[in-house]
Amino acid sequence: MFLGVESASAVRLDYLGRTHLPLHNRSAIAVCKDHGITPSFNFMLFDPDCSLDDIDATLDLAEQHLDLP
């Protein structure tokens, strides 16, 4: 299942016009896995106003899910 995760930074999600929070991303991934569904998602790492902390948060989330496409 493809999820619109986009970022692990609340600031970047807001910038992208998303209404979900990073905790919703983690929850959606966990629920999928709990039900035998393999989630897939992309990240939008860079935009003109992103910070290194924003990038680090998203890379941390990616590292937690290296088993996923």
N, C-alpha and C. Protein backbone atom coordinates (compact mmCIF):
# COMPACT_ATOMS: atom_id res chain seq x y z
N MET A 1 0.85 -1.16 0.00
CA MET A 1 0.00 0.00 0.00
C MET A 1 0.90 1.23 0.00
N PHE A 2 0.61 2.17 -0.86
CA PHE A 2 1.40 3.39 -0.90
C PHE A 2 0.83 4.41 0.09
N LEU A 3 1.71 4.94 0.95
CA LEU A 3 1.33 5.94 1.94
C LEU A 3 1.97 7.28 1.58
N GLY A 4 1.27 8.36 1.82
CA GLY A 4 1.81 9.70 1.57
C GLY A 4 2.56 10.23 2.77
N VAL A 5 3.65 9.59 3.11
CA VAL A 5 4.43 9.96 4.30
C VAL A 5 5.12 11.31 4.11
N GLU A 6 5.81 11.49 3.02
CA GLU A 6 6.48 12.73 2.61
C GLU A 6 7.66 13.16 3.48
N SER A 7 7.47 13.25 4.80
CA SER A 7 8.51 13.77 5.68
C SER A 7 8.25 13.32 7.12
N ALA A 8 9.29 13.32 7.93
CA ALA A 8 9.15 13.04 9.36
C ALA A 8 9.24 14.33 10.17
N SER A 9 9.18 15.44 9.49
CA SER A 9 9.23 16.76 10.14
C SER A 9 7.85 17.41 10.06
N ALA A 10 7.29 17.77 11.20
CA ALA A 10 5.99 18.44 11.23
C ALA A 10 6.04 19.77 10.47
N VAL A 11 7.14 20.46 10.56
CA VAL A 11 7.30 21.74 9.87
C VAL A 11 7.24 21.54 8.36
N ARG A 12 7.93 20.51 7.86
CA ARG A 12 7.93 20.26 6.42
C ARG A 12 6.58 19.77 5.95
N LEU A 13 5.91 18.95 6.75
CA LEU A 13 4.57 18.49 6.38
C LEU A 13 3.63 19.68 6.24
N ASP A 14 3.71 20.61 7.18
CA ASP A 14 2.89 21.82 7.11
C ASP A 14 3.24 22.63 5.86
N TYR A 15 4.52 22.77 5.59
CA TYR A 15 4.98 23.49 4.40
C TYR A 15 4.39 22.88 3.13
N LEU A 16 4.29 21.55 3.10
CA LEU A 16 3.76 20.84 1.94
C LEU A 16 2.23 20.84 1.89
N GLY A 17 1.62 21.43 2.90
CA GLY A 17 0.16 21.50 2.93
C GLY A 17 -0.50 20.22 3.42
N ARG A 18 0.25 19.38 4.08
CA ARG A 18 -0.29 18.13 4.59
C ARG A 18 -0.95 18.38 5.95
N THR A 19 -1.96 17.62 6.25
CA THR A 19 -2.67 17.81 7.51
C THR A 19 -2.32 16.76 8.55
N HIS A 20 -1.49 15.79 8.17
CA HIS A 20 -1.10 14.77 9.15
C HIS A 20 0.21 15.17 9.83
N LEU A 21 0.51 14.49 10.92
CA LEU A 21 1.71 14.73 11.70
C LEU A 21 2.65 13.53 11.60
N PRO A 22 3.92 13.71 11.98
CA PRO A 22 4.85 12.58 11.94
C PRO A 22 4.35 11.36 12.72
N LEU A 23 3.67 11.56 13.84
CA LEU A 23 3.17 10.42 14.61
C LEU A 23 2.13 9.65 13.81
N HIS A 24 1.39 10.32 12.93
CA HIS A 24 0.43 9.63 12.07
C HIS A 24 1.16 8.77 11.04
N ASN A 25 2.30 9.26 10.54
CA ASN A 25 3.10 8.45 9.62
C ASN A 25 3.53 7.15 10.29
N ARG A 26 4.10 7.28 11.49
CA ARG A 26 4.59 6.10 12.20
C ARG A 26 3.45 5.14 12.51
N SER A 27 2.32 5.68 12.91
CA SER A 27 1.15 4.86 13.22
C SER A 27 0.64 4.13 11.98
N ALA A 28 0.54 4.81 10.87
CA ALA A 28 0.05 4.19 9.63
C ALA A 28 0.97 3.07 9.17
N ILE A 29 2.27 3.29 9.27
CA ILE A 29 3.23 2.25 8.90
C ILE A 29 3.06 1.04 9.82
N ALA A 30 2.95 1.27 11.10
CA ALA A 30 2.80 0.18 12.07
C ALA A 30 1.50 -0.60 11.86
N VAL A 31 0.41 0.11 11.62
CA VAL A 31 -0.88 -0.56 11.40
C VAL A 31 -0.81 -1.44 10.15
N CYS A 32 -0.23 -0.92 9.09
CA CYS A 32 -0.08 -1.72 7.88
C CYS A 32 0.71 -3.00 8.18
N LYS A 33 1.86 -2.84 8.82
CA LYS A 33 2.69 -4.01 9.13
C LYS A 33 1.96 -5.00 10.03
N ASP A 34 1.22 -4.50 11.01
CA ASP A 34 0.48 -5.37 11.93
C ASP A 34 -0.57 -6.20 11.21
N HIS A 35 -1.07 -5.70 10.07
CA HIS A 35 -2.10 -6.39 9.31
C HIS A 35 -1.56 -7.12 8.09
N GLY A 36 -0.24 -7.29 8.05
CA GLY A 36 0.38 -8.02 6.95
C GLY A 36 0.42 -7.27 5.64
N ILE A 37 0.27 -5.96 5.70
CA ILE A 37 0.31 -5.11 4.50
C ILE A 37 1.68 -4.46 4.45
N THR A 38 2.33 -4.54 3.31
CA THR A 38 3.64 -3.90 3.15
C THR A 38 3.43 -2.48 2.65
N PRO A 39 3.68 -1.50 3.51
CA PRO A 39 3.54 -0.12 3.05
C PRO A 39 4.76 0.32 2.24
N SER A 40 4.52 1.21 1.34
CA SER A 40 5.58 1.81 0.53
C SER A 40 5.37 3.32 0.57
N PHE A 41 6.45 4.07 0.56
CA PHE A 41 6.33 5.52 0.63
C PHE A 41 7.58 6.19 0.11
N ASN A 42 7.43 7.44 -0.25
CA ASN A 42 8.55 8.28 -0.69
C ASN A 42 8.72 9.42 0.29
N PHE A 43 9.89 10.02 0.23
CA PHE A 43 10.17 11.19 1.05
C PHE A 43 10.50 12.38 0.17
N MET A 44 10.12 13.55 0.61
CA MET A 44 10.51 14.79 -0.03
C MET A 44 11.55 15.43 0.90
N LEU A 45 12.79 15.09 0.67
CA LEU A 45 13.86 15.50 1.59
C LEU A 45 14.20 16.98 1.52
N PHE A 46 14.19 17.54 0.34
CA PHE A 46 14.70 18.89 0.18
C PHE A 46 13.64 19.83 -0.37
N ASP A 47 13.59 21.02 0.19
CA ASP A 47 12.83 22.12 -0.36
C ASP A 47 13.61 23.39 0.02
N PRO A 48 13.27 24.52 -0.55
CA PRO A 48 14.09 25.72 -0.31
C PRO A 48 14.26 26.13 1.15
N ASP A 49 13.31 25.76 2.02
CA ASP A 49 13.37 26.21 3.41
C ASP A 49 13.72 25.11 4.41
N CYS A 50 14.05 23.92 3.94
CA CYS A 50 14.30 22.83 4.88
C CYS A 50 15.61 23.05 5.65
N SER A 51 15.66 22.46 6.82
CA SER A 51 16.87 22.55 7.65
C SER A 51 17.52 21.17 7.73
N LEU A 52 18.72 21.15 8.23
CA LEU A 52 19.39 19.86 8.42
C LEU A 52 18.65 19.00 9.44
N ASP A 53 18.01 19.63 10.42
CA ASP A 53 17.21 18.87 11.40
C ASP A 53 16.01 18.21 10.72
N ASP A 54 15.37 18.90 9.79
CA ASP A 54 14.26 18.32 9.04
C ASP A 54 14.73 17.10 8.27
N ILE A 55 15.85 17.23 7.60
CA ILE A 55 16.40 16.12 6.82
C ILE A 55 16.78 14.97 7.73
N ASP A 56 17.44 15.26 8.85
CA ASP A 56 17.83 14.22 9.81
C ASP A 56 16.63 13.44 10.32
N ALA A 57 15.54 14.13 10.63
CA ALA A 57 14.34 13.44 11.15
C ALA A 57 13.80 12.46 10.11
N THR A 58 13.78 12.88 8.86
CA THR A 58 13.26 12.01 7.81
C THR A 58 14.21 10.85 7.53
N LEU A 59 15.50 11.10 7.55
CA LEU A 59 16.46 10.02 7.37
C LEU A 59 16.39 9.01 8.52
N ASP A 60 16.15 9.49 9.72
CA ASP A 60 15.97 8.58 10.87
C ASP A 60 14.77 7.67 10.65
N LEU A 61 13.67 8.23 10.16
CA LEU A 61 12.48 7.42 9.88
C LEU A 61 12.80 6.39 8.80
N ALA A 62 13.50 6.81 7.77
CA ALA A 62 13.88 5.88 6.70
C ALA A 62 14.73 4.73 7.25
N GLU A 63 15.69 5.04 8.11
CA GLU A 63 16.57 4.02 8.68
C GLU A 63 15.81 3.02 9.54
N GLN A 64 14.69 3.44 10.12
CA GLN A 64 13.88 2.53 10.93
C GLN A 64 13.10 1.53 10.09
N HIS A 65 13.03 1.78 8.78
CA HIS A 65 12.20 0.96 7.91
C HIS A 65 12.97 0.51 6.67
N LEU A 66 14.19 0.09 6.85
CA LEU A 66 15.01 -0.35 5.71
C LEU A 66 14.44 -1.62 5.06
N ASP A 67 13.55 -2.29 5.76
CA ASP A 67 12.94 -3.51 5.22
C ASP A 67 11.81 -3.22 4.24
N LEU A 68 11.43 -1.97 4.11
CA LEU A 68 10.30 -1.61 3.25
C LEU A 68 10.77 -1.01 1.93
N PRO A 69 9.94 -1.19 0.89
CA PRO A 69 10.32 -0.59 -0.42
C PRO A 69 10.18 0.92 -0.39
